Amino acid sequence: MATVEAPPAVVEPPPPPRTKALPPTPVPSLNWDGDWPTLAAALPLRGVVQQLAQQSELLQCEATENVVQIKLRIPLDTLRSAGSVEKLEQALGNHFGKTVRVDTEIGAVEQTANAAAMAEREARQREAEQNINSDPFVQSLMREFGATIVPGSIKPA
């Protein structure tokens, strides 16, 4: 009877340490509260550059007298295509009134404008469902007529 040995286990190196996203830290020289998700959502952008701003996470912001250096983490390399970083630099430059340089790195993101918008939509949905479920008229219909609420049918106003 022949014995078969298992191949040696492949040991992968640990991932590099994750740089933490900045909590909103005011940048007085820019007259900015440091809230990247709010700023990213408010910039007048479209297309890929809008997705770059809204799906990115602020890692660092340094402002000198003439230049603002911003480092962002983005989830996909394709967000850097078609001059989107340069267009974001231009929009931020218009917003702050200074030259802006944006550097990006690829990685998992958490604190983004998209994440904030999704959390708000989910909170509004939960509130709408709670309001319907606790409404006296709806409860009466459920008790007296066996009415049910169709899952997914409740939409927030």
N, C-alpha and C. Protein backbone atom coordinates (compact mmCIF):
# COMPACT_ATOMS: atom_id res chain seq x y z
N MET A 1 0.84 -1.16 0.00
CA MET A 1 0.00 0.00 0.00
C MET A 1 0.89 1.24 0.00
N ALA A 2 0.65 2.12 -0.94
CA ALA A 2 1.47 3.32 -1.06
C ALA A 2 0.89 4.42 -0.21
N THR A 3 1.77 5.22 0.34
CA THR A 3 1.30 6.37 1.12
C THR A 3 1.54 7.63 0.30
N VAL A 4 0.63 8.53 0.42
CA VAL A 4 0.74 9.79 -0.30
C VAL A 4 0.97 10.89 0.73
N GLU A 5 2.01 11.64 0.50
CA GLU A 5 2.30 12.74 1.42
C GLU A 5 1.64 14.01 0.92
N ALA A 6 1.14 14.77 1.84
CA ALA A 6 0.53 16.05 1.49
C ALA A 6 1.64 17.03 1.10
N PRO A 7 1.36 17.90 0.12
CA PRO A 7 2.38 18.90 -0.24
C PRO A 7 2.60 19.84 0.95
N PRO A 8 3.79 20.42 1.03
CA PRO A 8 4.05 21.33 2.14
C PRO A 8 3.11 22.53 2.08
N ALA A 9 2.73 23.00 3.23
CA ALA A 9 1.82 24.14 3.31
C ALA A 9 2.53 25.40 2.80
N VAL A 10 1.81 26.19 2.06
CA VAL A 10 2.35 27.45 1.57
C VAL A 10 2.09 28.51 2.63
N VAL A 11 3.16 29.12 3.07
CA VAL A 11 3.02 30.16 4.09
C VAL A 11 3.14 31.51 3.40
N GLU A 12 2.05 32.28 3.48
CA GLU A 12 2.06 33.60 2.86
C GLU A 12 2.54 34.62 3.88
N PRO A 13 3.28 35.62 3.41
CA PRO A 13 3.73 36.65 4.36
C PRO A 13 2.53 37.43 4.88
N PRO A 14 2.64 37.96 6.09
CA PRO A 14 1.52 38.74 6.61
C PRO A 14 1.34 40.01 5.79
N PRO A 15 0.10 40.53 5.74
CA PRO A 15 -0.12 41.76 4.97
C PRO A 15 0.62 42.92 5.64
N PRO A 16 0.96 43.94 4.86
CA PRO A 16 1.64 45.09 5.48
C PRO A 16 0.71 45.75 6.49
N PRO A 17 1.28 46.40 7.50
CA PRO A 17 0.42 47.05 8.49
C PRO A 17 -0.46 48.10 7.82
N ARG A 18 -1.70 48.16 8.25
CA ARG A 18 -2.67 49.08 7.67
C ARG A 18 -2.53 50.45 8.33
N THR A 19 -2.32 51.46 7.49
CA THR A 19 -2.29 52.82 7.98
C THR A 19 -3.71 53.22 8.32
N LYS A 20 -3.90 53.77 9.49
CA LYS A 20 -5.24 54.17 9.91
C LYS A 20 -5.68 55.44 9.19
N ALA A 21 -6.94 55.49 8.85
CA ALA A 21 -7.52 56.70 8.28
C ALA A 21 -7.56 57.75 9.37
N LEU A 22 -7.46 58.98 8.93
CA LEU A 22 -7.51 60.08 9.89
C LEU A 22 -8.92 60.29 10.41
N PRO A 23 -9.07 60.48 11.72
CA PRO A 23 -10.38 60.96 12.17
C PRO A 23 -10.48 62.41 11.70
N PRO A 24 -11.67 62.95 11.58
CA PRO A 24 -11.76 64.34 11.14
C PRO A 24 -10.91 65.24 12.04
N THR A 25 -9.87 65.79 11.46
CA THR A 25 -8.96 66.68 12.18
C THR A 25 -8.99 68.03 11.48
N PRO A 26 -9.42 69.07 12.16
CA PRO A 26 -9.50 70.38 11.52
C PRO A 26 -8.14 70.83 10.97
N VAL A 27 -8.19 71.48 9.82
CA VAL A 27 -7.00 72.06 9.21
C VAL A 27 -7.26 73.56 9.14
N PRO A 28 -6.88 74.30 10.21
CA PRO A 28 -7.22 75.72 10.29
C PRO A 28 -6.71 76.55 9.10
N SER A 29 -5.52 76.22 8.59
CA SER A 29 -4.97 77.00 7.48
C SER A 29 -5.81 76.87 6.21
N LEU A 30 -6.64 75.83 6.14
CA LEU A 30 -7.52 75.64 5.00
C LEU A 30 -8.96 76.03 5.33
N ASN A 31 -9.21 76.39 6.58
CA ASN A 31 -10.57 76.67 7.05
C ASN A 31 -11.47 75.46 6.77
N TRP A 32 -10.94 74.26 7.12
CA TRP A 32 -11.62 72.99 6.84
C TRP A 32 -11.67 72.17 8.11
N ASP A 33 -12.82 71.54 8.36
CA ASP A 33 -12.98 70.74 9.57
C ASP A 33 -12.33 69.36 9.47
N GLY A 34 -11.79 69.00 8.30
CA GLY A 34 -11.09 67.73 8.14
C GLY A 34 -11.99 66.55 7.84
N ASP A 35 -13.27 66.79 7.63
CA ASP A 35 -14.23 65.71 7.36
C ASP A 35 -14.20 65.37 5.87
N TRP A 36 -13.35 64.40 5.51
CA TRP A 36 -13.18 64.03 4.11
C TRP A 36 -14.47 63.50 3.47
N PRO A 37 -15.21 62.58 4.09
CA PRO A 37 -16.43 62.09 3.43
C PRO A 37 -17.41 63.21 3.06
N THR A 38 -17.55 64.19 3.94
CA THR A 38 -18.47 65.30 3.66
C THR A 38 -17.95 66.15 2.51
N LEU A 39 -16.65 66.46 2.52
CA LEU A 39 -16.06 67.25 1.45
C LEU A 39 -16.13 66.50 0.12
N ALA A 40 -15.79 65.22 0.13
CA ALA A 40 -15.80 64.43 -1.11
C ALA A 40 -17.20 64.39 -1.72
N ALA A 41 -18.22 64.28 -0.89
CA ALA A 41 -19.60 64.24 -1.40
C ALA A 41 -20.05 65.60 -1.94
N ALA A 42 -19.47 66.68 -1.42
CA ALA A 42 -19.90 68.02 -1.81
C ALA A 42 -19.18 68.58 -3.04
N LEU A 43 -18.05 67.98 -3.41
CA LEU A 43 -17.31 68.51 -4.55
C LEU A 43 -18.12 68.36 -5.84
N PRO A 44 -18.07 69.36 -6.73
CA PRO A 44 -18.83 69.30 -7.99
C PRO A 44 -18.12 68.42 -9.02
N LEU A 45 -18.24 67.11 -8.85
CA LEU A 45 -17.53 66.15 -9.71
C LEU A 45 -18.52 65.21 -10.37
N ARG A 46 -18.08 64.59 -11.46
CA ARG A 46 -18.88 63.60 -12.17
C ARG A 46 -17.98 62.44 -12.60
N GLY A 47 -18.60 61.32 -12.90
CA GLY A 47 -17.89 60.19 -13.49
C GLY A 47 -16.86 59.55 -12.58
N VAL A 48 -15.75 59.14 -13.18
CA VAL A 48 -14.71 58.41 -12.46
C VAL A 48 -14.11 59.28 -11.36
N VAL A 49 -13.92 60.56 -11.62
CA VAL A 49 -13.32 61.43 -10.60
C VAL A 49 -14.24 61.56 -9.39
N GLN A 50 -15.55 61.56 -9.62
CA GLN A 50 -16.50 61.58 -8.50
C GLN A 50 -16.38 60.29 -7.69
N GLN A 51 -16.27 59.16 -8.38
CA GLN A 51 -16.10 57.89 -7.68
C GLN A 51 -14.78 57.84 -6.93
N LEU A 52 -13.73 58.40 -7.52
CA LEU A 52 -12.44 58.48 -6.84
C LEU A 52 -12.59 59.22 -5.52
N ALA A 53 -13.24 60.36 -5.54
CA ALA A 53 -13.41 61.16 -4.32
C ALA A 53 -14.30 60.43 -3.32
N GLN A 54 -15.42 59.88 -3.77
CA GLN A 54 -16.39 59.32 -2.85
C GLN A 54 -16.03 57.94 -2.34
N GLN A 55 -15.15 57.24 -3.03
CA GLN A 55 -14.75 55.91 -2.56
C GLN A 55 -13.38 55.92 -1.90
N SER A 56 -12.80 57.10 -1.70
CA SER A 56 -11.48 57.19 -1.09
C SER A 56 -11.57 57.52 0.39
N GLU A 57 -10.48 57.23 1.06
CA GLU A 57 -10.38 57.44 2.50
C GLU A 57 -9.15 58.32 2.76
N LEU A 58 -9.31 59.37 3.55
CA LEU A 58 -8.20 60.29 3.84
C LEU A 58 -7.23 59.65 4.82
N LEU A 59 -5.96 59.63 4.42
CA LEU A 59 -4.90 59.13 5.30
C LEU A 59 -4.09 60.27 5.89
N GLN A 60 -3.89 61.32 5.09
CA GLN A 60 -3.03 62.40 5.54
C GLN A 60 -3.38 63.68 4.79
N CYS A 61 -3.30 64.80 5.49
CA CYS A 61 -3.49 66.12 4.87
C CYS A 61 -2.50 67.08 5.52
N GLU A 62 -1.61 67.61 4.70
CA GLU A 62 -0.64 68.58 5.18
C GLU A 62 -0.75 69.82 4.32
N ALA A 63 -0.89 70.96 4.95
CA ALA A 63 -1.03 72.21 4.22
C ALA A 63 0.11 73.14 4.57
N THR A 64 0.81 73.62 3.55
CA THR A 64 1.81 74.67 3.74
C THR A 64 1.20 75.95 3.21
N GLU A 65 2.01 76.97 3.13
CA GLU A 65 1.50 78.26 2.68
C GLU A 65 0.94 78.20 1.26
N ASN A 66 1.58 77.40 0.39
CA ASN A 66 1.19 77.39 -1.02
C ASN A 66 0.61 76.07 -1.52
N VAL A 67 0.92 74.98 -0.85
CA VAL A 67 0.56 73.67 -1.37
C VAL A 67 -0.13 72.83 -0.30
N VAL A 68 -1.14 72.09 -0.72
CA VAL A 68 -1.82 71.14 0.16
C VAL A 68 -1.48 69.74 -0.37
N GLN A 69 -0.93 68.91 0.50
CA GLN A 69 -0.60 67.53 0.14
C GLN A 69 -1.62 66.61 0.80
N ILE A 70 -2.34 65.83 -0.02
CA ILE A 70 -3.37 64.94 0.49
C ILE A 70 -3.02 63.51 0.07
N LYS A 71 -3.08 62.60 1.03
CA LYS A 71 -2.86 61.19 0.73
C LYS A 71 -4.17 60.45 0.96
N LEU A 72 -4.60 59.69 -0.06
CA LEU A 72 -5.85 58.96 -0.02
C LEU A 72 -5.61 57.48 -0.23
N ARG A 73 -6.45 56.66 0.39
CA ARG A 73 -6.48 55.23 0.09
C ARG A 73 -7.71 55.00 -0.77
N ILE A 74 -7.54 54.22 -1.84
CA ILE A 74 -8.64 53.91 -2.74
C ILE A 74 -8.75 52.40 -2.89
N PRO A 75 -9.97 51.89 -3.14
CA PRO A 75 -10.14 50.44 -3.20
C PRO A 75 -9.74 49.81 -4.54
N LEU A 76 -9.73 50.60 -5.62
CA LEU A 76 -9.48 50.06 -6.95
C LEU A 76 -8.51 50.94 -7.73
N ASP A 77 -7.56 50.31 -8.40
CA ASP A 77 -6.60 51.05 -9.21
C ASP A 77 -7.28 51.79 -10.36
N THR A 78 -8.37 51.25 -10.87
CA THR A 78 -9.05 51.87 -12.01
C THR A 78 -9.59 53.27 -11.69
N LEU A 79 -9.74 53.59 -10.42
CA LEU A 79 -10.21 54.94 -10.05
C LEU A 79 -9.17 56.00 -10.37
N ARG A 80 -7.91 55.58 -10.57
CA ARG A 80 -6.85 56.54 -10.91
C ARG A 80 -6.75 56.78 -12.41
N SER A 81 -7.58 56.14 -13.21
CA SER A 81 -7.45 56.23 -14.66
C SER A 81 -8.05 57.52 -15.21
N ALA A 82 -7.73 57.77 -16.48
CA ALA A 82 -8.32 58.87 -17.26
C ALA A 82 -8.13 60.24 -16.62
N GLY A 83 -6.99 60.45 -15.98
CA GLY A 83 -6.70 61.76 -15.41
C GLY A 83 -7.55 62.11 -14.21
N SER A 84 -8.15 61.12 -13.58
CA SER A 84 -9.06 61.42 -12.47
C SER A 84 -8.34 62.05 -11.28
N VAL A 85 -7.11 61.65 -11.00
CA VAL A 85 -6.38 62.24 -9.87
C VAL A 85 -6.13 63.72 -10.15
N GLU A 86 -5.74 64.04 -11.39
CA GLU A 86 -5.49 65.43 -11.75
C GLU A 86 -6.77 66.26 -11.66
N LYS A 87 -7.88 65.69 -12.08
CA LYS A 87 -9.16 66.41 -11.99
C LYS A 87 -9.57 66.61 -10.53
N LEU A 88 -9.30 65.62 -9.68
CA LEU A 88 -9.58 65.78 -8.25
C LEU A 88 -8.69 66.86 -7.66
N GLU A 89 -7.42 66.88 -8.04
CA GLU A 89 -6.51 67.93 -7.56
C GLU A 89 -7.03 69.31 -7.95
N GLN A 90 -7.52 69.43 -9.17
CA GLN A 90 -8.05 70.71 -9.65
C GLN A 90 -9.29 71.13 -8.85
N ALA A 91 -10.21 70.18 -8.62
CA ALA A 91 -11.43 70.50 -7.86
C ALA A 91 -11.08 70.90 -6.42
N LEU A 92 -10.15 70.17 -5.81
CA LEU A 92 -9.73 70.51 -4.45
C LEU A 92 -9.00 71.85 -4.43
N GLY A 93 -8.20 72.10 -5.45
CA GLY A 93 -7.51 73.39 -5.55
C GLY A 93 -8.50 74.54 -5.65
N ASN A 94 -9.56 74.36 -6.43
CA ASN A 94 -10.60 75.38 -6.53
C ASN A 94 -11.31 75.56 -5.19
N HIS A 95 -11.54 74.45 -4.49
CA HIS A 95 -12.23 74.52 -3.20
C HIS A 95 -11.38 75.24 -2.15
N PHE A 96 -10.11 74.88 -2.06
CA PHE A 96 -9.24 75.44 -1.02
C PHE A 96 -8.53 76.73 -1.44
N GLY A 97 -8.49 77.01 -2.73
CA GLY A 97 -7.80 78.21 -3.20
C GLY A 97 -6.29 78.06 -3.14
N LYS A 98 -5.80 76.84 -3.19
CA LYS A 98 -4.36 76.56 -3.17
C LYS A 98 -4.07 75.42 -4.12
N THR A 99 -2.80 75.25 -4.45
CA THR A 99 -2.39 74.10 -5.25
C THR A 99 -2.52 72.85 -4.39
N VAL A 100 -3.12 71.82 -4.94
CA VAL A 100 -3.32 70.57 -4.20
C VAL A 100 -2.63 69.44 -4.95
N ARG A 101 -1.91 68.62 -4.21
CA ARG A 101 -1.28 67.41 -4.74
C ARG A 101 -1.91 66.22 -4.03
N VAL A 102 -2.40 65.26 -4.82
CA VAL A 102 -3.04 64.07 -4.26
C VAL A 102 -2.18 62.86 -4.57
N ASP A 103 -1.88 62.09 -3.53
CA ASP A 103 -1.17 60.83 -3.68
C ASP A 103 -2.14 59.73 -3.26
N THR A 104 -2.11 58.61 -3.96
CA THR A 104 -3.04 57.53 -3.64
C THR A 104 -2.31 56.23 -3.38
N GLU A 105 -2.94 55.38 -2.59
CA GLU A 105 -2.48 54.01 -2.40
C GLU A 105 -3.72 53.11 -2.48
N ILE A 106 -3.49 51.87 -2.86
CA ILE A 106 -4.58 50.91 -3.00
C ILE A 106 -4.74 50.13 -1.69
N GLY A 107 -5.97 49.94 -1.26
CA GLY A 107 -6.22 49.15 -0.05
C GLY A 107 -7.69 49.20 0.33
N ALA A 108 -8.01 48.49 1.37
CA ALA A 108 -9.37 48.47 1.89
C ALA A 108 -9.70 49.81 2.52
N VAL A 109 -10.90 50.28 2.28
CA VAL A 109 -11.34 51.58 2.80
C VAL A 109 -12.55 51.40 3.70
N GLU A 110 -12.73 52.33 4.62
CA GLU A 110 -13.88 52.28 5.54
C GLU A 110 -14.58 53.63 5.62
N GLN A 111 -13.84 54.68 5.88
CA GLN A 111 -14.42 56.01 6.12
C GLN A 111 -14.48 56.81 4.83
N THR A 112 -15.51 56.50 4.03
CA THR A 112 -15.67 57.16 2.73
C THR A 112 -17.03 57.84 2.65
N ALA A 113 -17.16 58.70 1.64
CA ALA A 113 -18.46 59.34 1.40
C ALA A 113 -19.50 58.30 1.04
N ASN A 114 -19.11 57.30 0.26
CA ASN A 114 -20.06 56.24 -0.10
C ASN A 114 -20.51 55.47 1.13
N ALA A 115 -19.58 55.14 2.03
CA ALA A 115 -19.94 54.41 3.25
C ALA A 115 -20.88 55.24 4.12
N ALA A 116 -20.62 56.55 4.22
CA ALA A 116 -21.49 57.42 5.01
C ALA A 116 -22.89 57.50 4.40
N ALA A 117 -22.96 57.60 3.06
CA ALA A 117 -24.26 57.67 2.40
C ALA A 117 -25.04 56.37 2.57
N MET A 118 -24.35 55.23 2.47
CA MET A 118 -25.01 53.94 2.66
C MET A 118 -25.53 53.80 4.09
N ALA A 119 -24.74 54.21 5.07
CA ALA A 119 -25.16 54.13 6.47
C ALA A 119 -26.39 55.00 6.71
N GLU A 120 -26.41 56.18 6.08
CA GLU A 120 -27.58 57.06 6.26
C GLU A 120 -28.83 56.45 5.61
N ARG A 121 -28.67 55.88 4.41
CA ARG A 121 -29.82 55.23 3.75
C ARG A 121 -30.35 54.07 4.60
N GLU A 122 -29.44 53.27 5.16
CA GLU A 122 -29.86 52.15 6.00
C GLU A 122 -30.57 52.64 7.26
N ALA A 123 -30.09 53.72 7.85
CA ALA A 123 -30.74 54.27 9.05
C ALA A 123 -32.14 54.79 8.71
N ARG A 124 -32.28 55.47 7.56
CA ARG A 124 -33.61 55.95 7.14
C ARG A 124 -34.55 54.79 6.87
N GLN A 125 -34.02 53.72 6.29
CA GLN A 125 -34.84 52.53 6.01
C GLN A 125 -35.32 51.91 7.31
N ARG A 126 -34.42 51.73 8.27
CA ARG A 126 -34.81 51.16 9.58
C ARG A 126 -35.86 52.02 10.25
N GLU A 127 -35.68 53.34 10.19
CA GLU A 127 -36.65 54.26 10.81
C GLU A 127 -38.02 54.14 10.14
N ALA A 128 -38.02 54.07 8.81
CA ALA A 128 -39.29 53.94 8.08
C ALA A 128 -40.00 52.64 8.46
N GLU A 129 -39.24 51.54 8.53
CA GLU A 129 -39.84 50.25 8.90
C GLU A 129 -40.37 50.28 10.33
N GLN A 130 -39.63 50.91 11.25
CA GLN A 130 -40.09 51.01 12.64
C GLN A 130 -41.37 51.85 12.72
N ASN A 131 -41.41 52.94 11.95
CA ASN A 131 -42.59 53.80 11.96
C ASN A 131 -43.82 53.05 11.46
N ILE A 132 -43.66 52.28 10.39
CA ILE A 132 -44.80 51.51 9.86
C ILE A 132 -45.23 50.44 10.86
N ASN A 133 -44.25 49.70 11.38
CA ASN A 133 -44.57 48.61 12.31
C ASN A 133 -45.22 49.09 13.60
N SER A 134 -44.92 50.32 14.01
CA SER A 134 -45.50 50.83 15.26
C SER A 134 -46.73 51.71 15.03
N ASP A 135 -47.13 51.91 13.79
CA ASP A 135 -48.29 52.73 13.49
C ASP A 135 -49.56 52.05 14.00
N PRO A 136 -50.40 52.74 14.80
CA PRO A 136 -51.61 52.13 15.35
C PRO A 136 -52.57 51.61 14.28
N PHE A 137 -52.72 52.33 13.17
CA PHE A 137 -53.61 51.89 12.11
C PHE A 137 -53.11 50.59 11.48
N VAL A 138 -51.81 50.51 11.22
CA VAL A 138 -51.22 49.30 10.63
C VAL A 138 -51.37 48.14 11.59
N GLN A 139 -51.12 48.39 12.88
CA GLN A 139 -51.27 47.32 13.88
C GLN A 139 -52.71 46.83 13.94
N SER A 140 -53.65 47.76 13.81
CA SER A 140 -55.07 47.40 13.82
C SER A 140 -55.41 46.52 12.61
N LEU A 141 -54.93 46.88 11.45
CA LEU A 141 -55.17 46.07 10.25
C LEU A 141 -54.58 44.67 10.40
N MET A 142 -53.41 44.59 11.01
CA MET A 142 -52.77 43.30 11.19
C MET A 142 -53.56 42.43 12.17
N ARG A 143 -54.04 43.04 13.25
CA ARG A 143 -54.81 42.30 14.25
C ARG A 143 -56.16 41.86 13.72
N GLU A 144 -56.91 42.81 13.13
CA GLU A 144 -58.28 42.55 12.75
C GLU A 144 -58.45 41.79 11.44
N PHE A 145 -57.53 41.98 10.51
CA PHE A 145 -57.71 41.37 9.20
C PHE A 145 -56.57 40.42 8.80
N GLY A 146 -55.61 40.24 9.70
CA GLY A 146 -54.48 39.36 9.37
C GLY A 146 -53.56 39.93 8.30
N ALA A 147 -53.57 41.25 8.18
CA ALA A 147 -52.72 41.90 7.19
C ALA A 147 -51.25 41.66 7.53
N THR A 148 -50.43 41.66 6.50
CA THR A 148 -48.98 41.54 6.69
C THR A 148 -48.29 42.61 5.87
N ILE A 149 -47.09 42.91 6.25
CA ILE A 149 -46.28 43.87 5.51
C ILE A 149 -45.35 43.06 4.61
N VAL A 150 -45.41 43.35 3.33
CA VAL A 150 -44.57 42.65 2.36
C VAL A 150 -43.13 43.10 2.56
N PRO A 151 -42.22 42.15 2.84
CA PRO A 151 -40.81 42.53 3.02
C PRO A 151 -40.28 43.28 1.79
N GLY A 152 -39.58 44.35 2.05
CA GLY A 152 -39.00 45.15 0.99
C GLY A 152 -39.94 46.19 0.40
N SER A 153 -41.19 46.25 0.88
CA SER A 153 -42.15 47.17 0.30
C SER A 153 -42.12 48.55 0.95
N ILE A 154 -41.47 48.69 2.07
CA ILE A 154 -41.42 49.97 2.78
C ILE A 154 -40.25 50.78 2.25
N LYS A 155 -40.55 51.98 1.81
CA LYS A 155 -39.52 52.89 1.29
C LYS A 155 -39.55 54.18 2.11
N PRO A 156 -38.40 54.66 2.55
CA PRO A 156 -38.39 55.92 3.31
C PRO A 156 -38.81 57.08 2.40
N ALA A 157 -39.38 58.10 3.01
CA ALA A 157 -39.84 59.28 2.24
C ALA A 157 -38.66 60.04 1.71
